[in-house]
């Protein structure tokens, strides 16, 4: 039987194969986590492409979702050149454009802005 959880050690509930499935934490820790939920989190690959490869968030998310510029153009009903222009550094897309991209890329609009 596993040791009783402490504040530093959550209770881990495994699946049928023994892989971690749930982590039970004290409610006070949960409240702290929820209070800090204002920050918009990024997947590691997106963050690294923005920081290391100096991609724009739009391009980093597109690559993360494994869409080519042609794929995005088709999904957005625009040209590939328009996709390239939209994700170009220094460009400030309109909110409607960001919303359309966010819908396709399954992310928050705030994650697409620098």
PDB file of N, CA and C in Angstrom:
ATOM      1  N   UNK A   1       0.856  -1.181   0.000  1.00  0.00           N
ATOM      2  CA  UNK A   1       0.000   0.000   0.000  1.00  0.00           C
ATOM      3  C   UNK A   1       0.897   1.238   0.000  1.00  0.00           C
ATOM      4  N   UNK A   2       0.587   2.267  -0.847  1.00  0.00           N
ATOM      5  CA  UNK A   2       1.423   3.459  -0.906  1.00  0.00           C
ATOM      6  C   UNK A   2       1.353   4.257   0.386  1.00  0.00           C
ATOM      7  N   UNK A   3       2.406   5.019   0.610  1.00  0.00           N
ATOM      8  CA  UNK A   3       2.461   5.872   1.795  1.00  0.00           C
ATOM      9  C   UNK A   3       1.371   6.934   1.705  1.00  0.00           C
ATOM     10  N   UNK A   4       0.905   7.389   2.862  1.00  0.00           N
ATOM     11  CA  UNK A   4      -0.102   8.451   2.901  1.00  0.00           C
ATOM     12  C   UNK A   4       0.485   9.720   2.292  1.00  0.00           C
ATOM     13  N   UNK A   5      -0.292  10.445   1.471  1.00  0.00           N
ATOM     14  CA  UNK A   5       0.235  11.650   0.843  1.00  0.00           C
ATOM     15  C   UNK A   5       0.493  12.755   1.861  1.00  0.00           C
ATOM     16  N   UNK A   6       1.457  13.583   1.557  1.00  0.00           N
ATOM     17  CA  UNK A   6       1.750  14.770   2.360  1.00  0.00           C
ATOM     18  C   UNK A   6       1.573  15.977   1.453  1.00  0.00           C
ATOM     19  N   UNK A   7       1.749  17.176   1.990  1.00  0.00           N
ATOM     20  CA  UNK A   7       1.628  18.372   1.166  1.00  0.00           C
ATOM     21  C   UNK A   7       2.608  18.357   0.007  1.00  0.00           C
ATOM     22  N   UNK A   8       3.772  17.790   0.203  1.00  0.00           N
ATOM     23  CA  UNK A   8       4.774  17.750  -0.854  1.00  0.00           C
ATOM     24  C   UNK A   8       4.588  16.540  -1.761  1.00  0.00           C
ATOM     25  N   UNK A   9       3.758  15.591  -1.350  1.00  0.00           N
ATOM     26  CA  UNK A   9       3.588  14.348  -2.104  1.00  0.00           C
ATOM     27  C   UNK A   9       2.101  14.091  -2.332  1.00  0.00           C
ATOM     28  N   UNK A  10       1.606  14.365  -3.552  1.00  0.00           N
ATOM     29  CA  UNK A  10       0.185  14.120  -3.806  1.00  0.00           C
ATOM     30  C   UNK A  10      -0.110  12.628  -3.875  1.00  0.00           C
ATOM     31  N   UNK A  11      -1.349  12.294  -3.702  1.00  0.00           N
ATOM     32  CA  UNK A  11      -1.792  10.916  -3.869  1.00  0.00           C
ATOM     33  C   UNK A  11      -1.933  10.663  -5.365  1.00  0.00           C
ATOM     34  N   UNK A  12      -1.214   9.682  -5.886  1.00  0.00           N
ATOM     35  CA  UNK A  12      -1.272   9.337  -7.301  1.00  0.00           C
ATOM     36  C   UNK A  12      -2.178   8.120  -7.470  1.00  0.00           C
ATOM     37  N   UNK A  13      -3.169   8.245  -8.315  1.00  0.00           N
ATOM     38  CA  UNK A  13      -4.085   7.141  -8.596  1.00  0.00           C
ATOM     39  C   UNK A  13      -3.730   6.603  -9.980  1.00  0.00           C
ATOM     40  N   UNK A  14      -3.323   5.334 -10.041  1.00  0.00           N
ATOM     41  CA  UNK A  14      -2.902   4.766 -11.331  1.00  0.00           C
ATOM     42  C   UNK A  14      -4.072   4.206 -12.140  1.00  0.00           C
ATOM     43  N   UNK A  15      -3.817   4.016 -13.442  1.00  0.00           N
ATOM     44  CA  UNK A  15      -4.792   3.323 -14.280  1.00  0.00           C
ATOM     45  C   UNK A  15      -4.591   1.816 -14.126  1.00  0.00           C
ATOM     46  N   UNK A  16      -5.279   1.028 -14.914  1.00  0.00           N
ATOM     47  CA  UNK A  16      -5.213  -0.432 -14.775  1.00  0.00           C
ATOM     48  C   UNK A  16      -3.835  -1.002 -15.097  1.00  0.00           C
ATOM     49  N   UNK A  17      -3.002  -0.220 -15.799  1.00  0.00           N
ATOM     50  CA  UNK A  17      -1.651  -0.680 -16.139  1.00  0.00           C
ATOM     51  C   UNK A  17      -0.597  -0.114 -15.198  1.00  0.00           C
ATOM     52  N   UNK A  18      -1.026   0.627 -14.198  1.00  0.00           N
ATOM     53  CA  UNK A  18      -0.093   1.188 -13.230  1.00  0.00           C
ATOM     54  C   UNK A  18       0.466   2.548 -13.595  1.00  0.00           C
ATOM     55  N   UNK A  19       0.018   3.131 -14.702  1.00  0.00           N
ATOM     56  CA  UNK A  19       0.479   4.457 -15.107  1.00  0.00           C
ATOM     57  C   UNK A  19      -0.294   5.525 -14.344  1.00  0.00           C
ATOM     58  N   UNK A  20       0.364   6.627 -13.957  1.00  0.00           N
ATOM     59  CA  UNK A  20      -0.347   7.689 -13.243  1.00  0.00           C
ATOM     60  C   UNK A  20      -1.544   8.189 -14.053  1.00  0.00           C
ATOM     61  N   UNK A  21      -2.684   8.285 -13.405  1.00  0.00           N
ATOM     62  CA  UNK A  21      -3.907   8.729 -14.065  1.00  0.00           C
ATOM     63  C   UNK A  21      -4.437  10.020 -13.435  1.00  0.00           C
ATOM     64  N   UNK A  22      -4.418  10.071 -12.100  1.00  0.00           N
ATOM     65  CA  UNK A  22      -4.884  11.245 -11.365  1.00  0.00           C
ATOM     66  C   UNK A  22      -3.886  11.569 -10.267  1.00  0.00           C
ATOM     67  N   UNK A  23      -3.838  12.849  -9.916  1.00  0.00           N
ATOM     68  CA  UNK A  23      -3.062  13.285  -8.760  1.00  0.00           C
ATOM     69  C   UNK A  23      -4.016  14.036  -7.841  1.00  0.00           C
ATOM     70  N   UNK A  24      -4.137  13.580  -6.622  1.00  0.00           N
ATOM     71  CA  UNK A  24      -5.011  14.220  -5.645  1.00  0.00           C
ATOM     72  C   UNK A  24      -4.143  15.113  -4.771  1.00  0.00           C
ATOM     73  N   UNK A  25      -4.507  16.390  -4.741  1.00  0.00           N
ATOM     74  CA  UNK A  25      -3.745  17.353  -3.947  1.00  0.00           C
ATOM     75  C   UNK A  25      -4.675  18.001  -2.932  1.00  0.00           C
ATOM     76  N   UNK A  26      -4.111  18.577  -1.874  1.00  0.00           N
ATOM     77  CA  UNK A  26      -4.953  19.285  -0.907  1.00  0.00           C
ATOM     78  C   UNK A  26      -5.709  20.430  -1.589  1.00  0.00           C
ATOM     79  N   UNK A  27      -6.922  20.669  -1.135  1.00  0.00           N
ATOM     80  CA  UNK A  27      -7.757  21.703  -1.736  1.00  0.00           C
ATOM     81  C   UNK A  27      -7.080  23.072  -1.672  1.00  0.00           C
ATOM     82  N   UNK A  28      -6.353  23.347  -0.617  1.00  0.00           N
ATOM     83  CA  UNK A  28      -5.667  24.643  -0.498  1.00  0.00           C
ATOM     84  C   UNK A  28      -4.636  24.824  -1.619  1.00  0.00           C
ATOM     85  N   UNK A  29      -3.957  23.735  -2.003  1.00  0.00           N
ATOM     86  CA  UNK A  29      -3.008  23.822  -3.118  1.00  0.00           C
ATOM     87  C   UNK A  29      -3.747  24.018  -4.439  1.00  0.00           C
ATOM     88  N   UNK A  30      -4.882  23.353  -4.579  1.00  0.00           N
ATOM     89  CA  UNK A  30      -5.715  23.521  -5.769  1.00  0.00           C
ATOM     90  C   UNK A  30      -6.144  24.984  -5.905  1.00  0.00           C
ATOM     91  N   UNK A  31      -6.569  25.603  -4.803  1.00  0.00           N
ATOM     92  CA  UNK A  31      -6.989  27.005  -4.840  1.00  0.00           C
ATOM     93  C   UNK A  31      -5.852  27.908  -5.292  1.00  0.00           C
ATOM     94  N   UNK A  32      -4.645  27.639  -4.824  1.00  0.00           N
ATOM     95  CA  UNK A  32      -3.481  28.429  -5.239  1.00  0.00           C
ATOM     96  C   UNK A  32      -3.254  28.266  -6.741  1.00  0.00           C
ATOM     97  N   UNK A  33      -3.335  27.039  -7.225  1.00  0.00           N
ATOM     98  CA  UNK A  33      -3.154  26.796  -8.656  1.00  0.00           C
ATOM     99  C   UNK A  33      -4.205  27.527  -9.484  1.00  0.00           C
ATOM    100  N   UNK A  34      -5.443  27.509  -9.033  1.00  0.00           N
ATOM    101  CA  UNK A  34      -6.510  28.181  -9.772  1.00  0.00           C
ATOM    102  C   UNK A  34      -6.359  29.697  -9.721  1.00  0.00           C
ATOM    103  N   UNK A  35      -5.862  30.219  -8.628  1.00  0.00           N
ATOM    104  CA  UNK A  35      -5.651  31.663  -8.505  1.00  0.00           C
ATOM    105  C   UNK A  35      -4.566  32.131  -9.467  1.00  0.00           C
ATOM    106  N   UNK A  36      -3.626  31.260  -9.784  1.00  0.00           N
ATOM    107  CA  UNK A  36      -2.531  31.597 -10.692  1.00  0.00           C
ATOM    108  C   UNK A  36      -2.854  31.231 -12.131  1.00  0.00           C
ATOM    109  N   UNK A  37      -4.100  30.935 -12.437  1.00  0.00           N
ATOM    110  CA  UNK A  37      -4.494  30.472 -13.762  1.00  0.00           C
ATOM    111  C   UNK A  37      -4.611  31.611 -14.768  1.00  0.00           C
ATOM    112  N   UNK A  38      -4.286  32.846 -14.371  1.00  0.00           N
ATOM    113  CA  UNK A  38      -4.374  33.985 -15.276  1.00  0.00           C
ATOM    114  C   UNK A  38      -3.353  33.891 -16.400  1.00  0.00           C
ATOM    115  N   UNK A  39      -2.226  33.282 -16.130  1.00  0.00           N
ATOM    116  CA  UNK A  39      -1.181  33.170 -17.134  1.00  0.00           C
ATOM    117  C   UNK A  39      -1.635  32.220 -18.241  1.00  0.00           C
ATOM    118  N   UNK A  40      -1.316  32.580 -19.457  1.00  0.00           N
ATOM    119  CA  UNK A  40      -1.655  31.736 -20.596  1.00  0.00           C
ATOM    120  C   UNK A  40      -0.490  30.787 -20.828  1.00  0.00           C
ATOM    121  N   UNK A  41      -0.740  29.516 -20.659  1.00  0.00           N
ATOM    122  CA  UNK A  41       0.310  28.516 -20.815  1.00  0.00           C
ATOM    123  C   UNK A  41       0.488  28.162 -22.285  1.00  0.00           C
ATOM    124  N   UNK A  42       1.721  27.815 -22.635  1.00  0.00           N
ATOM    125  CA  UNK A  42       2.040  27.388 -23.989  1.00  0.00           C
ATOM    126  C   UNK A  42       2.632  25.993 -23.956  1.00  0.00           C
ATOM    127  N   UNK A  43       2.330  25.173 -24.950  1.00  0.00           N
ATOM    128  CA  UNK A  43       3.038  23.902 -25.046  1.00  0.00           C
ATOM    129  C   UNK A  43       4.543  24.160 -25.195  1.00  0.00           C
ATOM    130  N   UNK A  44       5.341  23.249 -24.689  1.00  0.00           N
ATOM    131  CA  UNK A  44       6.793  23.413 -24.703  1.00  0.00           C
ATOM    132  C   UNK A  44       7.321  23.696 -26.108  1.00  0.00           C
ATOM    133  N   UNK A  45       6.873  22.933 -27.101  1.00  0.00           N
ATOM    134  CA  UNK A  45       7.370  23.121 -28.469  1.00  0.00           C
ATOM    135  C   UNK A  45       7.045  24.514 -29.004  1.00  0.00           C
ATOM    136  N   UNK A  46       5.867  25.018 -28.696  1.00  0.00           N
ATOM    137  CA  UNK A  46       5.493  26.360 -29.140  1.00  0.00           C
ATOM    138  C   UNK A  46       6.398  27.390 -28.472  1.00  0.00           C
ATOM    139  N   UNK A  47       6.569  27.270 -27.167  1.00  0.00           N
ATOM    140  CA  UNK A  47       7.410  28.219 -26.430  1.00  0.00           C
ATOM    141  C   UNK A  47       8.849  28.200 -26.937  1.00  0.00           C
ATOM    142  N   UNK A  48       9.380  27.011 -27.199  1.00  0.00           N
ATOM    143  CA  UNK A  48      10.764  26.907 -27.678  1.00  0.00           C
ATOM    144  C   UNK A  48      10.910  27.499 -29.079  1.00  0.00           C
ATOM    145  N   UNK A  49       9.942  27.272 -29.949  1.00  0.00           N
ATOM    146  CA  UNK A  49      10.018  27.852 -31.294  1.00  0.00           C
ATOM    147  C   UNK A  49       9.954  29.370 -31.252  1.00  0.00           C
ATOM    148  N   UNK A  50       9.190  29.910 -30.324  1.00  0.00           N
ATOM    149  CA  UNK A  50       9.120  31.364 -30.181  1.00  0.00           C
ATOM    150  C   UNK A  50      10.429  31.900 -29.603  1.00  0.00           C
ATOM    151  N   UNK A  51      10.925  31.252 -28.548  1.00  0.00           N
ATOM    152  CA  UNK A  51      12.112  31.756 -27.849  1.00  0.00           C
ATOM    153  C   UNK A  51      13.416  31.477 -28.593  1.00  0.00           C
ATOM    154  N   UNK A  52      13.601  30.257 -29.047  1.00  0.00           N
ATOM    155  CA  UNK A  52      14.880  29.858 -29.640  1.00  0.00           C
ATOM    156  C   UNK A  52      14.930  30.140 -31.141  1.00  0.00           C
ATOM    157  N   UNK A  53      13.892  29.764 -31.840  1.00  0.00           N
ATOM    158  CA  UNK A  53      13.886  29.924 -33.300  1.00  0.00           C
ATOM    159  C   UNK A  53      13.308  31.264 -33.743  1.00  0.00           C
ATOM    160  N   UNK A  54      12.873  32.070 -32.764  1.00  0.00           N
ATOM    161  CA  UNK A  54      12.337  33.406 -33.007  1.00  0.00           C
ATOM    162  C   UNK A  54      11.171  33.407 -33.995  1.00  0.00           C
ATOM    163  N   UNK A  55      10.334  32.372 -33.898  1.00  0.00           N
ATOM    164  CA  UNK A  55       9.111  32.335 -34.708  1.00  0.00           C
ATOM    165  C   UNK A  55       8.066  33.224 -34.055  1.00  0.00           C
ATOM    166  N   UNK A  56       7.152  33.715 -34.862  1.00  0.00           N
ATOM    167  CA  UNK A  56       6.002  34.406 -34.290  1.00  0.00           C
ATOM    168  C   UNK A  56       5.096  33.353 -33.659  1.00  0.00           C
ATOM    169  N   UNK A  57       4.269  33.747 -32.703  1.00  0.00           N
ATOM    170  CA  UNK A  57       3.339  32.770 -32.120  1.00  0.00           C
ATOM    171  C   UNK A  57       2.438  32.107 -33.166  1.00  0.00           C
ATOM    172  N   UNK A  58       2.008  32.865 -34.169  1.00  0.00           N
ATOM    173  CA  UNK A  58       1.160  32.286 -35.214  1.00  0.00           C
ATOM    174  C   UNK A  58       1.877  31.150 -35.938  1.00  0.00           C
ATOM    175  N   UNK A  59       3.112  31.394 -36.329  1.00  0.00           N
ATOM    176  CA  UNK A  59       3.882  30.375 -37.043  1.00  0.00           C
ATOM    177  C   UNK A  59       4.201  29.196 -36.131  1.00  0.00           C
ATOM    178  N   UNK A  60       4.577  29.489 -34.884  1.00  0.00           N
ATOM    179  CA  UNK A  60       4.920  28.423 -33.938  1.00  0.00           C
ATOM    180  C   UNK A  60       3.728  27.507 -33.696  1.00  0.00           C
ATOM    181  N   UNK A  61       2.541  28.075 -33.530  1.00  0.00           N
ATOM    182  CA  UNK A  61       1.341  27.257 -33.335  1.00  0.00           C
ATOM    183  C   UNK A  61       0.998  26.468 -34.596  1.00  0.00           C
ATOM    184  N   UNK A  62       1.138  27.105 -35.758  1.00  0.00           N
ATOM    185  CA  UNK A  62       0.844  26.396 -37.010  1.00  0.00           C
ATOM    186  C   UNK A  62       1.749  25.177 -37.153  1.00  0.00           C
ATOM    187  N   UNK A  63       3.030  25.364 -36.880  1.00  0.00           N
ATOM    188  CA  UNK A  63       3.978  24.249 -36.978  1.00  0.00           C
ATOM    189  C   UNK A  63       3.683  23.190 -35.908  1.00  0.00           C
ATOM    190  N   UNK A  64       3.319  23.628 -34.720  1.00  0.00           N
ATOM    191  CA  UNK A  64       2.986  22.696 -33.639  1.00  0.00           C
ATOM    192  C   UNK A  64       1.816  21.799 -34.037  1.00  0.00           C
ATOM    193  N   UNK A  65       0.848  22.360 -34.720  1.00  0.00           N
ATOM    194  CA  UNK A  65      -0.320  21.590 -35.169  1.00  0.00           C
ATOM    195  C   UNK A  65      -0.032  20.834 -36.470  1.00  0.00           C
ATOM    196  N   UNK A  66       1.198  20.990 -36.965  1.00  0.00           N
ATOM    197  CA  UNK A  66       1.667  20.294 -38.171  1.00  0.00           C
ATOM    198  C   UNK A  66       0.851  20.659 -39.410  1.00  0.00           C
ATOM    199  N   UNK A  67       0.536  21.950 -39.519  1.00  0.00           N
ATOM    200  CA  UNK A  67      -0.130  22.471 -40.708  1.00  0.00           C
ATOM    201  C   UNK A  67       0.895  23.222 -41.546  1.00  0.00           C
ATOM    202  N   UNK A  68       0.858  23.018 -42.846  1.00  0.00           N
ATOM    203  CA  UNK A  68       1.671  23.830 -43.750  1.00  0.00           C
ATOM    204  C   UNK A  68       0.949  25.160 -43.958  1.00  0.00           C
ATOM    205  N   UNK A  69       1.648  26.109 -44.579  1.00  0.00           N
ATOM    206  CA  UNK A  69       0.975  27.361 -44.911  1.00  0.00           C
ATOM    207  C   UNK A  69      -0.177  27.098 -45.879  1.00  0.00           C
ATOM    208  N   UNK A  70       0.005  26.150 -46.779  1.00  0.00           N
ATOM    209  CA  UNK A  70      -1.069  25.801 -47.720  1.00  0.00           C
ATOM    210  C   UNK A  70      -2.276  25.220 -46.981  1.00  0.00           C
ATOM    211  N   UNK A  71      -2.020  24.391 -45.962  1.00  0.00           N
ATOM    212  CA  UNK A  71      -3.117  23.844 -45.152  1.00  0.00           C
ATOM    213  C   UNK A  71      -3.911  24.973 -44.497  1.00  0.00           C
ATOM    214  N   UNK A  72      -3.182  25.909 -43.888  1.00  0.00           N
ATOM    215  CA  UNK A  72      -3.852  27.033 -43.217  1.00  0.00           C
ATOM    216  C   UNK A  72      -4.632  27.871 -44.222  1.00  0.00           C
ATOM    217  N   UNK A  73      -4.039  28.097 -45.383  1.00  0.00           N
ATOM    218  CA  UNK A  73      -4.713  28.885 -46.413  1.00  0.00           C
ATOM    219  C   UNK A  73      -6.043  28.242 -46.795  1.00  0.00           C
ATOM    220  N   UNK A  74      -6.031  26.935 -46.973  1.00  0.00           N
ATOM    221  CA  UNK A  74      -7.264  26.221 -47.320  1.00  0.00           C
ATOM    222  C   UNK A  74      -8.292  26.344 -46.206  1.00  0.00           C
ATOM    223  N   UNK A  75      -7.854  26.138 -44.963  1.00  0.00           N
ATOM    224  CA  UNK A  75      -8.769  26.191 -43.824  1.00  0.00           C
ATOM    225  C   UNK A  75      -9.347  27.596 -43.620  1.00  0.00           C
ATOM    226  N   UNK A  76      -8.553  28.619 -43.944  1.00  0.00           N
ATOM    227  CA  UNK A  76      -8.976  30.007 -43.754  1.00  0.00           C
ATOM    228  C   UNK A  76      -9.615  30.613 -45.006  1.00  0.00           C
ATOM    229  N   UNK A  77      -9.591  29.868 -46.106  1.00  0.00           N
ATOM    230  CA  UNK A  77     -10.100  30.357 -47.401  1.00  0.00           C
ATOM    231  C   UNK A  77      -9.371  31.614 -47.855  1.00  0.00           C
ATOM    232  N   UNK A  78      -8.042  31.584 -47.709  1.00  0.00           N
ATOM    233  CA  UNK A  78      -7.187  32.676 -48.165  1.00  0.00           C
ATOM    234  C   UNK A  78      -6.025  32.059 -48.946  1.00  0.00           C
ATOM    235  N   UNK A  79      -5.130  32.888 -49.446  1.00  0.00           N
ATOM    236  CA  UNK A  79      -3.979  32.369 -50.187  1.00  0.00           C
ATOM    237  C   UNK A  79      -2.842  32.011 -49.240  1.00  0.00           C
ATOM    238  N   UNK A  80      -1.931  31.192 -49.730  1.00  0.00           N
ATOM    239  CA  UNK A  80      -0.741  30.846 -48.949  1.00  0.00           C
ATOM    240  C   UNK A  80       0.067  32.104 -48.662  1.00  0.00           C
ATOM    241  N   UNK A  81       0.121  33.018 -49.613  1.00  0.00           N
ATOM    242  CA  UNK A  81       0.838  34.274 -49.411  1.00  0.00           C
ATOM    243  C   UNK A  81       0.238  35.106 -48.283  1.00  0.00           C
ATOM    244  N   UNK A  82      -1.078  35.075 -48.167  1.00  0.00           N
ATOM    245  CA  UNK A  82      -1.740  35.802 -47.075  1.00  0.00           C
ATOM    246  C   UNK A  82      -1.394  35.179 -45.727  1.00  0.00           C
ATOM    247  N   UNK A  83      -1.277  33.853 -45.690  1.00  0.00           N
ATOM    248  CA  UNK A  83      -0.856  33.181 -44.450  1.00  0.00           C
ATOM    249  C   UNK A  83       0.556  33.626 -44.091  1.00  0.00           C
ATOM    250  N   UNK A  84       1.455  33.611 -45.071  1.00  0.00           N
ATOM    251  CA  UNK A  84       2.845  34.020 -44.831  1.00  0.00           C
ATOM    252  C   UNK A  84       2.906  35.453 -44.317  1.00  0.00           C
ATOM    253  N   UNK A  85       2.121  36.330 -44.913  1.00  0.00           N
ATOM    254  CA  UNK A  85       2.103  37.734 -44.488  1.00  0.00           C
ATOM    255  C   UNK A  85       1.549  37.873 -43.072  1.00  0.00           C
ATOM    256  N   UNK A  86       0.505  37.122 -42.760  1.00  0.00           N
ATOM    257  CA  UNK A  86      -0.120  37.200 -41.437  1.00  0.00           C
ATOM    258  C   UNK A  86       0.843  36.776 -40.345  1.00  0.00           C
ATOM    259  N   UNK A  87       1.633  35.726 -40.601  1.00  0.00           N
ATOM    260  CA  UNK A  87       2.524  35.232 -39.556  1.00  0.00           C
ATOM    261  C   UNK A  87       3.917  35.865 -39.603  1.00  0.00           C
ATOM    262  N   UNK A  88       4.093  36.871 -40.430  1.00  0.00           N
ATOM    263  CA  UNK A  88       5.368  37.578 -40.530  1.00  0.00           C
ATOM    264  C   UNK A  88       5.614  38.405 -39.265  1.00  0.00           C
ATOM    265  N   UNK A  89       6.864  38.424 -38.809  1.00  0.00           N
ATOM    266  CA  UNK A  89       7.237  39.198 -37.618  1.00  0.00           C
ATOM    267  C   UNK A  89       6.882  40.666 -37.819  1.00  0.00           C
ATOM    268  N   UNK A  90       6.346  41.272 -36.775  1.00  0.00           N
ATOM    269  CA  UNK A  90       5.988  42.681 -36.812  1.00  0.00           C
ATOM    270  C   UNK A  90       4.576  42.947 -37.302  1.00  0.00           C
ATOM    271  N   UNK A  91       3.932  41.942 -37.871  1.00  0.00           N
ATOM    272  CA  UNK A  91       2.564  42.102 -38.345  1.00  0.00           C
ATOM    273  C   UNK A  91       1.609  42.113 -37.153  1.00  0.00           C
ATOM    274  N   UNK A  92       0.591  42.918 -37.220  1.00  0.00           N
ATOM    275  CA  UNK A  92      -0.415  43.004 -36.156  1.00  0.00           C
ATOM    276  C   UNK A  92      -1.778  42.616 -36.729  1.00  0.00           C
ATOM    277  N   UNK A  93      -2.084  41.315 -36.766  1.00  0.00           N
ATOM    278  CA  UNK A  93      -3.367  40.880 -37.326  1.00  0.00           C
ATOM    279  C   UNK A  93      -4.554  41.435 -36.537  1.00  0.00           C
ATOM    280  N   UNK A  94      -5.666  41.630 -37.232  1.00  0.00           N
ATOM    281  CA  UNK A  94      -6.892  42.079 -36.587  1.00  0.00           C
ATOM    282  C   UNK A  94      -7.436  40.967 -35.697  1.00  0.00           C
ATOM    283  N   UNK A  95      -8.265  41.354 -34.736  1.00  0.00           N
ATOM    284  CA  UNK A  95      -8.829  40.401 -33.789  1.00  0.00           C
ATOM    285  C   UNK A  95      -9.610  39.292 -34.499  1.00  0.00           C
ATOM    286  N   UNK A  96     -10.362  39.636 -35.526  1.00  0.00           N
ATOM    287  CA  UNK A  96     -11.127  38.622 -36.261  1.00  0.00           C
ATOM    288  C   UNK A  96     -10.197  37.589 -36.893  1.00  0.00           C
ATOM    289  N   UNK A  97      -9.061  38.046 -37.385  1.00  0.00           N
ATOM    290  CA  UNK A  97      -8.069  37.135 -37.968  1.00  0.00           C
ATOM    291  C   UNK A  97      -7.511  36.219 -36.894  1.00  0.00           C
ATOM    292  N   UNK A  98      -7.158  36.788 -35.751  1.00  0.00           N
ATOM    293  CA  UNK A  98      -6.622  35.985 -34.648  1.00  0.00           C
ATOM    294  C   UNK A  98      -7.641  34.951 -34.176  1.00  0.00           C
ATOM    295  N   UNK A  99      -8.915  35.347 -34.118  1.00  0.00           N
ATOM    296  CA  UNK A  99      -9.958  34.405 -33.694  1.00  0.00           C
ATOM    297  C   UNK A  99     -10.080  33.243 -34.677  1.00  0.00           C
ATOM    298  N   UNK A 100     -10.009  33.543 -35.962  1.00  0.00           N
ATOM    299  CA  UNK A 100     -10.099  32.484 -36.974  1.00  0.00           C
ATOM    300  C   UNK A 100      -8.925  31.517 -36.840  1.00  0.00           C
ATOM    301  N   UNK A 101      -7.722  32.059 -36.652  1.00  0.00           N
ATOM    302  CA  UNK A 101      -6.543  31.211 -36.469  1.00  0.00           C
ATOM    303  C   UNK A 101      -6.678  30.386 -35.190  1.00  0.00           C
ATOM    304  N   UNK A 102      -7.115  31.020 -34.111  1.00  0.00           N
ATOM    305  CA  UNK A 102      -7.243  30.317 -32.826  1.00  0.00           C
ATOM    306  C   UNK A 102      -8.226  29.154 -32.934  1.00  0.00           C
ATOM    307  N   UNK A 103      -9.309  29.354 -33.654  1.00  0.00           N
ATOM    308  CA  UNK A 103     -10.281  28.269 -33.839  1.00  0.00           C
ATOM    309  C   UNK A 103      -9.641  27.082 -34.553  1.00  0.00           C
ATOM    310  N   UNK A 104      -8.911  27.353 -35.603  1.00  0.00           N
ATOM    311  CA  UNK A 104      -8.277  26.283 -36.381  1.00  0.00           C
ATOM    312  C   UNK A 104      -7.157  25.616 -35.595  1.00  0.00           C
ATOM    313  N   UNK A 105      -6.380  26.417 -34.871  1.00  0.00           N
ATOM    314  CA  UNK A 105      -5.225  25.888 -34.142  1.00  0.00           C
ATOM    315  C   UNK A 105      -5.583  25.366 -32.752  1.00  0.00           C
ATOM    316  N   UNK A 106      -6.850  25.474 -32.381  1.00  0.00           N
ATOM    317  CA  UNK A 106      -7.330  24.991 -31.078  1.00  0.00           C
ATOM    318  C   UNK A 106      -6.515  25.574 -29.927  1.00  0.00           C
ATOM    319  N   UNK A 107      -6.427  26.893 -29.927  1.00  0.00           N
ATOM    320  CA  UNK A 107      -5.725  27.588 -28.845  1.00  0.00           C
ATOM    321  C   UNK A 107      -6.491  28.868 -28.523  1.00  0.00           C
ATOM    322  N   UNK A 108      -6.032  29.578 -27.514  1.00  0.00           N
ATOM    323  CA  UNK A 108      -6.641  30.834 -27.100  1.00  0.00           C
ATOM    324  C   UNK A 108      -6.066  31.972 -27.939  1.00  0.00           C
ATOM    325  N   UNK A 109      -6.889  32.959 -28.253  1.00  0.00           N
ATOM    326  CA  UNK A 109      -6.423  34.119 -29.019  1.00  0.00           C
ATOM    327  C   UNK A 109      -5.201  34.746 -28.355  1.00  0.00           C
ATOM    328  N   UNK A 110      -5.202  34.821 -27.020  1.00  0.00           N
ATOM    329  CA  UNK A 110      -4.080  35.427 -26.300  1.00  0.00           C
ATOM    330  C   UNK A 110      -2.772  34.678 -26.520  1.00  0.00           C
ATOM    331  N   UNK A 111      -2.848  33.408 -26.871  1.00  0.00           N
ATOM    332  CA  UNK A 111      -1.642  32.626 -27.118  1.00  0.00           C
ATOM    333  C   UNK A 111      -1.034  32.932 -28.483  1.00  0.00           C
ATOM    334  N   UNK A 112      -1.741  33.666 -29.309  1.00  0.00           N
ATOM    335  CA  UNK A 112      -1.261  33.985 -30.650  1.00  0.00           C
ATOM    336  C   UNK A 112      -0.646  35.367 -30.752  1.00  0.00           C
ATOM    337  N   UNK A 113      -0.666  36.114 -29.667  1.00  0.00           N
ATOM    338  CA  UNK A 113      -0.097  37.461 -29.685  1.00  0.00           C
ATOM    339  C   UNK A 113       1.228  37.470 -28.947  1.00  0.00           C
ATOM    340  N   UNK A 114       2.091  38.368 -29.371  1.00  0.00           N
ATOM    341  CA  UNK A 114       3.424  38.428 -28.759  1.00  0.00           C
ATOM    342  C   UNK A 114       3.416  39.173 -27.456  1.00  0.00           C
TER     343      UNK A 114
END
